[in-house]
PDB file of N, CA and C in Angstrom:
ATOM      1  N   MET A   1     -38.556  95.101 -21.487  1.00  0.00           N
ATOM      2  CA  MET A   1     -38.896  96.514 -21.403  1.00  0.00           C
ATOM      3  C   MET A   1     -38.058  97.341 -22.371  1.00  0.00           C
ATOM      4  N   ILE A   2     -36.852  96.915 -22.592  1.00  0.00           N
ATOM      5  CA  ILE A   2     -35.960  97.695 -23.431  1.00  0.00           C
ATOM      6  C   ILE A   2     -36.423  97.695 -24.883  1.00  0.00           C
ATOM      7  N   HIS A   3     -36.942  96.596 -25.361  1.00  0.00           N
ATOM      8  CA  HIS A   3     -37.316  96.484 -26.767  1.00  0.00           C
ATOM      9  C   HIS A   3     -38.645  97.166 -27.075  1.00  0.00           C
ATOM     10  N   ILE A   4     -39.313  97.682 -26.065  1.00  0.00           N
ATOM     11  CA  ILE A   4     -40.595  98.335 -26.314  1.00  0.00           C
ATOM     12  C   ILE A   4     -40.408  99.598 -27.161  1.00  0.00           C
ATOM     13  N   TYR A   5     -39.310 100.299 -26.984  1.00  0.00           N
ATOM     14  CA  TYR A   5     -39.069 101.493 -27.786  1.00  0.00           C
ATOM     15  C   TYR A   5     -38.781 101.139 -29.243  1.00  0.00           C
ATOM     16  N   GLU A   6     -38.118 100.016 -29.443  1.00  0.00           N
ATOM     17  CA  GLU A   6     -37.877  99.571 -30.814  1.00  0.00           C
ATOM     18  C   GLU A   6     -39.190  99.198 -31.492  1.00  0.00           C
ATOM     19  N   LYS A   7     -40.060  98.504 -30.761  1.00  0.00           N
ATOM     20  CA  LYS A   7     -41.370  98.135 -31.309  1.00  0.00           C
ATOM     21  C   LYS A   7     -42.216  99.374 -31.566  1.00  0.00           C
ATOM     22  N   LEU A   8     -42.161 100.347 -30.654  1.00  0.00           N
ATOM     23  CA  LEU A   8     -42.899 101.589 -30.848  1.00  0.00           C
ATOM     24  C   LEU A   8     -42.389 102.330 -32.079  1.00  0.00           C
ATOM     25  N   GLY A   9     -41.084 102.338 -32.268  1.00  0.00           N
ATOM     26  CA  GLY A   9     -40.506 102.965 -33.450  1.00  0.00           C
ATOM     27  C   GLY A   9     -40.946 102.290 -34.732  1.00  0.00           C
ATOM     28  N   ASN A  10     -40.941 100.956 -34.721  1.00  0.00           N
ATOM     29  CA  ASN A  10     -41.395 100.205 -35.902  1.00  0.00           C
ATOM     30  C   ASN A  10     -42.861 100.489 -36.203  1.00  0.00           C
ATOM     31  N   TYR A  11     -43.679 100.504 -35.148  1.00  0.00           N
ATOM     32  CA  TYR A  11     -45.109 100.760 -35.308  1.00  0.00           C
ATOM     33  C   TYR A  11     -45.365 102.158 -35.872  1.00  0.00           C
ATOM     34  N   ALA A  12     -44.704 103.155 -35.303  1.00  0.00           N
ATOM     35  CA  ALA A  12     -44.894 104.527 -35.771  1.00  0.00           C
ATOM     36  C   ALA A  12     -44.402 104.700 -37.202  1.00  0.00           C
ATOM     37  N   LEU A  13     -43.310 104.051 -37.544  1.00  0.00           N
ATOM     38  CA  LEU A  13     -42.800 104.126 -38.907  1.00  0.00           C
ATOM     39  C   LEU A  13     -43.753 103.470 -39.891  1.00  0.00           C
ATOM     40  N   ASP A  14     -44.344 102.354 -39.503  1.00  0.00           N
ATOM     41  CA  ASP A  14     -45.323 101.684 -40.368  1.00  0.00           C
ATOM     42  C   ASP A  14     -46.558 102.555 -40.573  1.00  0.00           C
ATOM     43  N   ILE A  15     -47.048 103.171 -39.520  1.00  0.00           N
ATOM     44  CA  ILE A  15     -48.209 104.057 -39.652  1.00  0.00           C
ATOM     45  C   ILE A  15     -47.875 105.215 -40.577  1.00  0.00           C
ATOM     46  N   SER A  16     -46.682 105.768 -40.430  1.00  0.00           N
ATOM     47  CA  SER A  16     -46.261 106.865 -41.287  1.00  0.00           C
ATOM     48  C   SER A  16     -46.261 106.454 -42.757  1.00  0.00           C
ATOM     49  N   LYS A  17     -45.733 105.268 -43.042  1.00  0.00           N
ATOM     50  CA  LYS A  17     -45.696 104.784 -44.427  1.00  0.00           C
ATOM     51  C   LYS A  17     -47.095 104.518 -44.970  1.00  0.00           C
ATOM     52  N   TYR A  18     -47.960 103.934 -44.142  1.00  0.00           N
ATOM     53  CA  TYR A  18     -49.310 103.613 -44.604  1.00  0.00           C
ATOM     54  C   TYR A  18     -50.132 104.864 -44.880  1.00  0.00           C
ATOM     55  N   VAL A  19     -50.010 105.857 -44.026  1.00  0.00           N
ATOM     56  CA  VAL A  19     -50.758 107.103 -44.235  1.00  0.00           C
ATOM     57  C   VAL A  19     -50.259 107.792 -45.497  1.00  0.00           C
ATOM     58  N   LEU A  20     -48.956 107.877 -45.659  1.00  0.00           N
ATOM     59  CA  LEU A  20     -48.407 108.520 -46.849  1.00  0.00           C
ATOM     60  C   LEU A  20     -48.793 107.765 -48.112  1.00  0.00           C
ATOM     61  N   THR A  21     -48.755 106.451 -48.072  1.00  0.00           N
ATOM     62  CA  THR A  21     -49.168 105.647 -49.218  1.00  0.00           C
ATOM     63  C   THR A  21     -50.647 105.846 -49.518  1.00  0.00           C
ATOM     64  N   GLY A  22     -51.470 105.902 -48.465  1.00  0.00           N
ATOM     65  CA  GLY A  22     -52.903 106.139 -48.650  1.00  0.00           C
ATOM     66  C   GLY A  22     -53.180 107.479 -49.293  1.00  0.00           C
ATOM     67  N   VAL A  23     -52.437 108.494 -48.914  1.00  0.00           N
ATOM     68  CA  VAL A  23     -52.620 109.820 -49.507  1.00  0.00           C
ATOM     69  C   VAL A  23     -52.226 109.800 -50.980  1.00  0.00           C
ATOM     70  N   VAL A  24     -51.129 109.137 -51.298  1.00  0.00           N
ATOM     71  CA  VAL A  24     -50.682 109.067 -52.694  1.00  0.00           C
ATOM     72  C   VAL A  24     -51.681 108.280 -53.540  1.00  0.00           C
ATOM     73  N   ILE A  25     -52.151 107.154 -53.034  1.00  0.00           N
ATOM     74  CA  ILE A  25     -53.118 106.347 -53.785  1.00  0.00           C
ATOM     75  C   ILE A  25     -54.433 107.103 -53.943  1.00  0.00           C
ATOM     76  N   ALA A  26     -54.857 107.809 -52.912  1.00  0.00           N
ATOM     77  CA  ALA A  26     -56.096 108.586 -53.005  1.00  0.00           C
ATOM     78  C   ALA A  26     -55.986 109.678 -54.060  1.00  0.00           C
ATOM     79  N   SER A  27     -54.790 110.205 -54.247  1.00  0.00           N
ATOM     80  CA  SER A  27     -54.630 111.256 -55.251  1.00  0.00           C
ATOM     81  C   SER A  27     -54.800 110.719 -56.668  1.00  0.00           C
ATOM     82  N   PHE A  28     -54.579 109.420 -56.862  1.00  0.00           N
ATOM     83  CA  PHE A  28     -54.796 108.838 -58.182  1.00  0.00           C
ATOM     84  C   PHE A  28     -56.277 108.741 -58.526  1.00  0.00           C
ATOM     85  N   PHE A  29     -57.117 108.598 -57.528  1.00  0.00           N
ATOM     86  CA  PHE A  29     -58.547 108.413 -57.761  1.00  0.00           C
ATOM     87  C   PHE A  29     -59.344 109.709 -57.758  1.00  0.00           C
ATOM     88  N   ARG A  30     -58.771 110.761 -57.246  1.00  0.00           N
ATOM     89  CA  ARG A  30     -59.466 112.051 -57.210  1.00  0.00           C
ATOM     90  C   ARG A  30     -58.539 113.144 -57.711  1.00  0.00           C
ATOM     91  N   ASP A  31     -59.141 114.147 -58.298  1.00  0.00           N
ATOM     92  CA  ASP A  31     -58.377 115.322 -58.682  1.00  0.00           C
ATOM     93  C   ASP A  31     -58.106 116.160 -57.442  1.00  0.00           C
ATOM     94  N   MET A  32     -57.084 116.969 -57.516  1.00  0.00           N
ATOM     95  CA  MET A  32     -56.773 117.859 -56.400  1.00  0.00           C
ATOM     96  C   MET A  32     -57.777 119.007 -56.388  1.00  0.00           C
ATOM     97  N   GLU A  33     -58.776 118.893 -55.562  1.00  0.00           N
ATOM     98  CA  GLU A  33     -59.756 119.951 -55.389  1.00  0.00           C
ATOM     99  C   GLU A  33     -59.446 120.668 -54.085  1.00  0.00           C
ATOM    100  N   ASN A  34     -60.088 121.767 -53.852  1.00  0.00           N
ATOM    101  CA  ASN A  34     -59.820 122.552 -52.645  1.00  0.00           C
ATOM    102  C   ASN A  34     -60.115 121.771 -51.375  1.00  0.00           C
ATOM    103  N   ASP A  35     -61.217 121.032 -51.355  1.00  0.00           N
ATOM    104  CA  ASP A  35     -61.583 120.284 -50.158  1.00  0.00           C
ATOM    105  C   ASP A  35     -60.600 119.154 -49.877  1.00  0.00           C
ATOM    106  N   PHE A  36     -60.116 118.521 -50.900  1.00  0.00           N
ATOM    107  CA  PHE A  36     -59.242 117.378 -50.709  1.00  0.00           C
ATOM    108  C   PHE A  36     -57.786 117.791 -50.525  1.00  0.00           C
ATOM    109  N   ALA A  37     -57.457 119.010 -50.884  1.00  0.00           N
ATOM    110  CA  ALA A  37     -56.087 119.479 -50.675  1.00  0.00           C
ATOM    111  C   ALA A  37     -55.760 119.505 -49.180  1.00  0.00           C
ATOM    112  N   MET A  38     -56.720 119.910 -48.369  1.00  0.00           N
ATOM    113  CA  MET A  38     -56.500 119.915 -46.921  1.00  0.00           C
ATOM    114  C   MET A  38     -56.313 118.494 -46.402  1.00  0.00           C
ATOM    115  N   LEU A  39     -57.047 117.551 -46.947  1.00  0.00           N
ATOM    116  CA  LEU A  39     -56.902 116.157 -46.545  1.00  0.00           C
ATOM    117  C   LEU A  39     -55.491 115.662 -46.849  1.00  0.00           C
ATOM    118  N   TYR A  40     -54.965 116.018 -47.989  1.00  0.00           N
ATOM    119  CA  TYR A  40     -53.608 115.611 -48.353  1.00  0.00           C
ATOM    120  C   TYR A  40     -52.577 116.274 -47.447  1.00  0.00           C
ATOM    121  N   ILE A  41     -52.802 117.548 -47.146  1.00  0.00           N
ATOM    122  CA  ILE A  41     -51.869 118.260 -46.269  1.00  0.00           C
ATOM    123  C   ILE A  41     -51.864 117.627 -44.883  1.00  0.00           C
ATOM    124  N   PHE A  42     -53.050 117.348 -44.338  1.00  0.00           N
ATOM    125  CA  PHE A  42     -53.118 116.714 -43.028  1.00  0.00           C
ATOM    126  C   PHE A  42     -52.540 115.306 -43.052  1.00  0.00           C
ATOM    127  N   GLY A  43     -52.732 114.597 -44.138  1.00  0.00           N
ATOM    128  CA  GLY A  43     -52.161 113.257 -44.264  1.00  0.00           C
ATOM    129  C   GLY A  43     -50.644 113.289 -44.243  1.00  0.00           C
ATOM    130  N   VAL A  44     -50.062 114.214 -44.955  1.00  0.00           N
ATOM    131  CA  VAL A  44     -48.603 114.338 -44.977  1.00  0.00           C
ATOM    132  C   VAL A  44     -48.088 114.795 -43.614  1.00  0.00           C
ATOM    133  N   LEU A  45     -48.764 115.747 -42.989  1.00  0.00           N
ATOM    134  CA  LEU A  45     -48.341 116.208 -41.663  1.00  0.00           C
ATOM    135  C   LEU A  45     -48.434 115.082 -40.630  1.00  0.00           C
ATOM    136  N   PHE A  46     -49.503 114.306 -40.695  1.00  0.00           N
ATOM    137  CA  PHE A  46     -49.680 113.167 -39.803  1.00  0.00           C
ATOM    138  C   PHE A  46     -48.569 112.148 -40.021  1.00  0.00           C
ATOM    139  N   SER A  47     -48.234 111.931 -41.271  1.00  0.00           N
ATOM    140  CA  SER A  47     -47.172 110.994 -41.605  1.00  0.00           C
ATOM    141  C   SER A  47     -45.823 111.472 -41.062  1.00  0.00           C
ATOM    142  N   VAL A  48     -45.551 112.752 -41.210  1.00  0.00           N
ATOM    143  CA  VAL A  48     -44.294 113.318 -40.699  1.00  0.00           C
ATOM    144  C   VAL A  48     -44.264 113.246 -39.167  1.00  0.00           C
ATOM    145  N   LEU A  49     -45.401 113.502 -38.528  1.00  0.00           N
ATOM    146  CA  LEU A  49     -45.465 113.413 -37.069  1.00  0.00           C
ATOM    147  C   LEU A  49     -45.118 112.008 -36.583  1.00  0.00           C
ATOM    148  N   PHE A  50     -45.674 110.994 -37.214  1.00  0.00           N
ATOM    149  CA  PHE A  50     -45.362 109.632 -36.804  1.00  0.00           C
ATOM    150  C   PHE A  50     -43.932 109.251 -37.162  1.00  0.00           C
ATOM    151  N   MET A  51     -43.372 109.839 -38.198  1.00  0.00           N
ATOM    152  CA  MET A  51     -41.963 109.609 -38.521  1.00  0.00           C
ATOM    153  C   MET A  51     -41.075 110.172 -37.410  1.00  0.00           C
ATOM    154  N   ILE A  52     -41.424 111.334 -36.894  1.00  0.00           N
ATOM    155  CA  ILE A  52     -40.660 111.937 -35.799  1.00  0.00           C
ATOM    156  C   ILE A  52     -40.771 111.082 -34.541  1.00  0.00           C
ATOM    157  N   VAL A  53     -41.966 110.581 -34.243  1.00  0.00           N
ATOM    158  CA  VAL A  53     -42.144 109.696 -33.088  1.00  0.00           C
ATOM    159  C   VAL A  53     -41.280 108.447 -33.243  1.00  0.00           C
ATOM    160  N   ALA A  54     -41.242 107.893 -34.442  1.00  0.00           N
ATOM    161  CA  ALA A  54     -40.433 106.695 -34.685  1.00  0.00           C
ATOM    162  C   ALA A  54     -38.953 106.985 -34.469  1.00  0.00           C
ATOM    163  N   LEU A  55     -38.473 108.096 -34.992  1.00  0.00           N
ATOM    164  CA  LEU A  55     -37.056 108.432 -34.826  1.00  0.00           C
ATOM    165  C   LEU A  55     -36.716 108.692 -33.366  1.00  0.00           C
ATOM    166  N   PHE A  56     -37.630 109.315 -32.638  1.00  0.00           N
ATOM    167  CA  PHE A  56     -37.420 109.559 -31.216  1.00  0.00           C
ATOM    168  C   PHE A  56     -37.358 108.238 -30.450  1.00  0.00           C
ATOM    169  N   ALA A  57     -38.243 107.319 -30.765  1.00  0.00           N
ATOM    170  CA  ALA A  57     -38.241 106.010 -30.100  1.00  0.00           C
ATOM    171  C   ALA A  57     -36.960 105.241 -30.414  1.00  0.00           C
ATOM    172  N   TYR A  58     -36.491 105.313 -31.651  1.00  0.00           N
ATOM    173  CA  TYR A  58     -35.241 104.641 -32.009  1.00  0.00           C
ATOM    174  C   TYR A  58     -34.057 105.243 -31.260  1.00  0.00           C
ATOM    175  N   SER A  59     -34.059 106.568 -31.090  1.00  0.00           N
ATOM    176  CA  SER A  59     -32.946 107.193 -30.376  1.00  0.00           C
ATOM    177  C   SER A  59     -32.946 106.788 -28.904  1.00  0.00           C
ATOM    178  N   ILE A  60     -34.108 106.671 -28.285  1.00  0.00           N
ATOM    179  CA  ILE A  60     -34.185 106.201 -26.901  1.00  0.00           C
ATOM    180  C   ILE A  60     -33.670 104.769 -26.812  1.00  0.00           C
ATOM    181  N   GLN A  61     -34.066 103.947 -27.765  1.00  0.00           N
ATOM    182  CA  GLN A  61     -33.621 102.549 -27.779  1.00  0.00           C
ATOM    183  C   GLN A  61     -32.101 102.466 -27.887  1.00  0.00           C
ATOM    184  N   ASN A  62     -31.510 103.264 -28.761  1.00  0.00           N
ATOM    185  CA  ASN A  62     -30.060 103.230 -28.945  1.00  0.00           C
ATOM    186  C   ASN A  62     -29.329 103.707 -27.695  1.00  0.00           C
ATOM    187  N   LYS A  63     -29.864 104.738 -27.027  1.00  0.00           N
ATOM    188  CA  LYS A  63     -29.240 105.228 -25.798  1.00  0.00           C
ATOM    189  C   LYS A  63     -29.291 104.171 -24.713  1.00  0.00           C
ATOM    190  N   ARG A  64     -30.414 103.484 -24.586  1.00  0.00           N
ATOM    191  CA  ARG A  64     -30.542 102.446 -23.565  1.00  0.00           C
ATOM    192  C   ARG A  64     -29.596 101.278 -23.850  1.00  0.00           C
ATOM    193  N   GLU A  65     -29.468 100.900 -25.110  1.00  0.00           N
ATOM    194  CA  GLU A  65     -28.559  99.799 -25.443  1.00  0.00           C
ATOM    195  C   GLU A  65     -27.110 100.170 -25.154  1.00  0.00           C
ATOM    196  N   SER A  66     -26.740 101.423 -25.421  1.00  0.00           N
ATOM    197  CA  SER A  66     -25.357 101.834 -25.154  1.00  0.00           C
ATOM    198  C   SER A  66     -25.087 101.877 -23.652  1.00  0.00           C
ATOM    199  N   ILE A  67     -26.075 102.262 -22.848  1.00  0.00           N
ATOM    200  CA  ILE A  67     -25.899 102.266 -21.394  1.00  0.00           C
ATOM    201  C   ILE A  67     -25.732 100.851 -20.870  1.00  0.00           C
ATOM    202  N   ILE A  68     -26.520  99.919 -21.404  1.00  0.00           N
ATOM    203  CA  ILE A  68     -26.419  98.524 -20.969  1.00  0.00           C
ATOM    204  C   ILE A  68     -25.069  97.933 -21.360  1.00  0.00           C
ATOM    205  N   LYS A  69     -24.578  98.267 -22.559  1.00  0.00           N
ATOM    206  CA  LYS A  69     -23.271  97.762 -22.978  1.00  0.00           C
ATOM    207  C   LYS A  69     -22.164  98.299 -22.088  1.00  0.00           C
ATOM    208  N   LYS A  70     -22.273  99.565 -21.655  1.00  0.00           N
ATOM    209  CA  LYS A  70     -21.266 100.137 -20.766  1.00  0.00           C
ATOM    210  C   LYS A  70     -21.280  99.472 -19.399  1.00  0.00           C
ATOM    211  N   LYS A  71     -22.472  99.103 -18.921  1.00  0.00           N
ATOM    212  CA  LYS A  71     -22.577  98.458 -17.613  1.00  0.00           C
ATOM    213  C   LYS A  71     -22.009  97.050 -17.633  1.00  0.00           C
ATOM    214  N   LYS A  72     -22.095  96.376 -18.769  1.00  0.00           N
ATOM    215  CA  LYS A  72     -21.587  95.002 -18.872  1.00  0.00           C
ATOM    216  C   LYS A  72     -20.065  94.983 -18.854  1.00  0.00           C
ATOM    217  N   LYS A  73     -19.431  96.047 -19.283  1.00  0.00           N
ATOM    218  CA  LYS A  73     -17.948  96.081 -19.326  1.00  0.00           C
ATOM    219  C   LYS A  73     -17.437  96.321 -17.968  1.00  0.00           C
TER     220      LYS A  73
END
């Protein structure tokens, strides 16, 4: 149960990287037009959102590990 937050963090970080990479690669194939500018903005915002979820999951994981280490002593 404890490692689920670490896995969630890894998953969210991977999604963040893939979305950001997809937005960058898509920009190579299309010019920045008005319609696609919103797509890029939403892609970056989505990527940042999943980055925040990943960091939050990692912080929960670290807190749980420190509590377990204190209990073992």
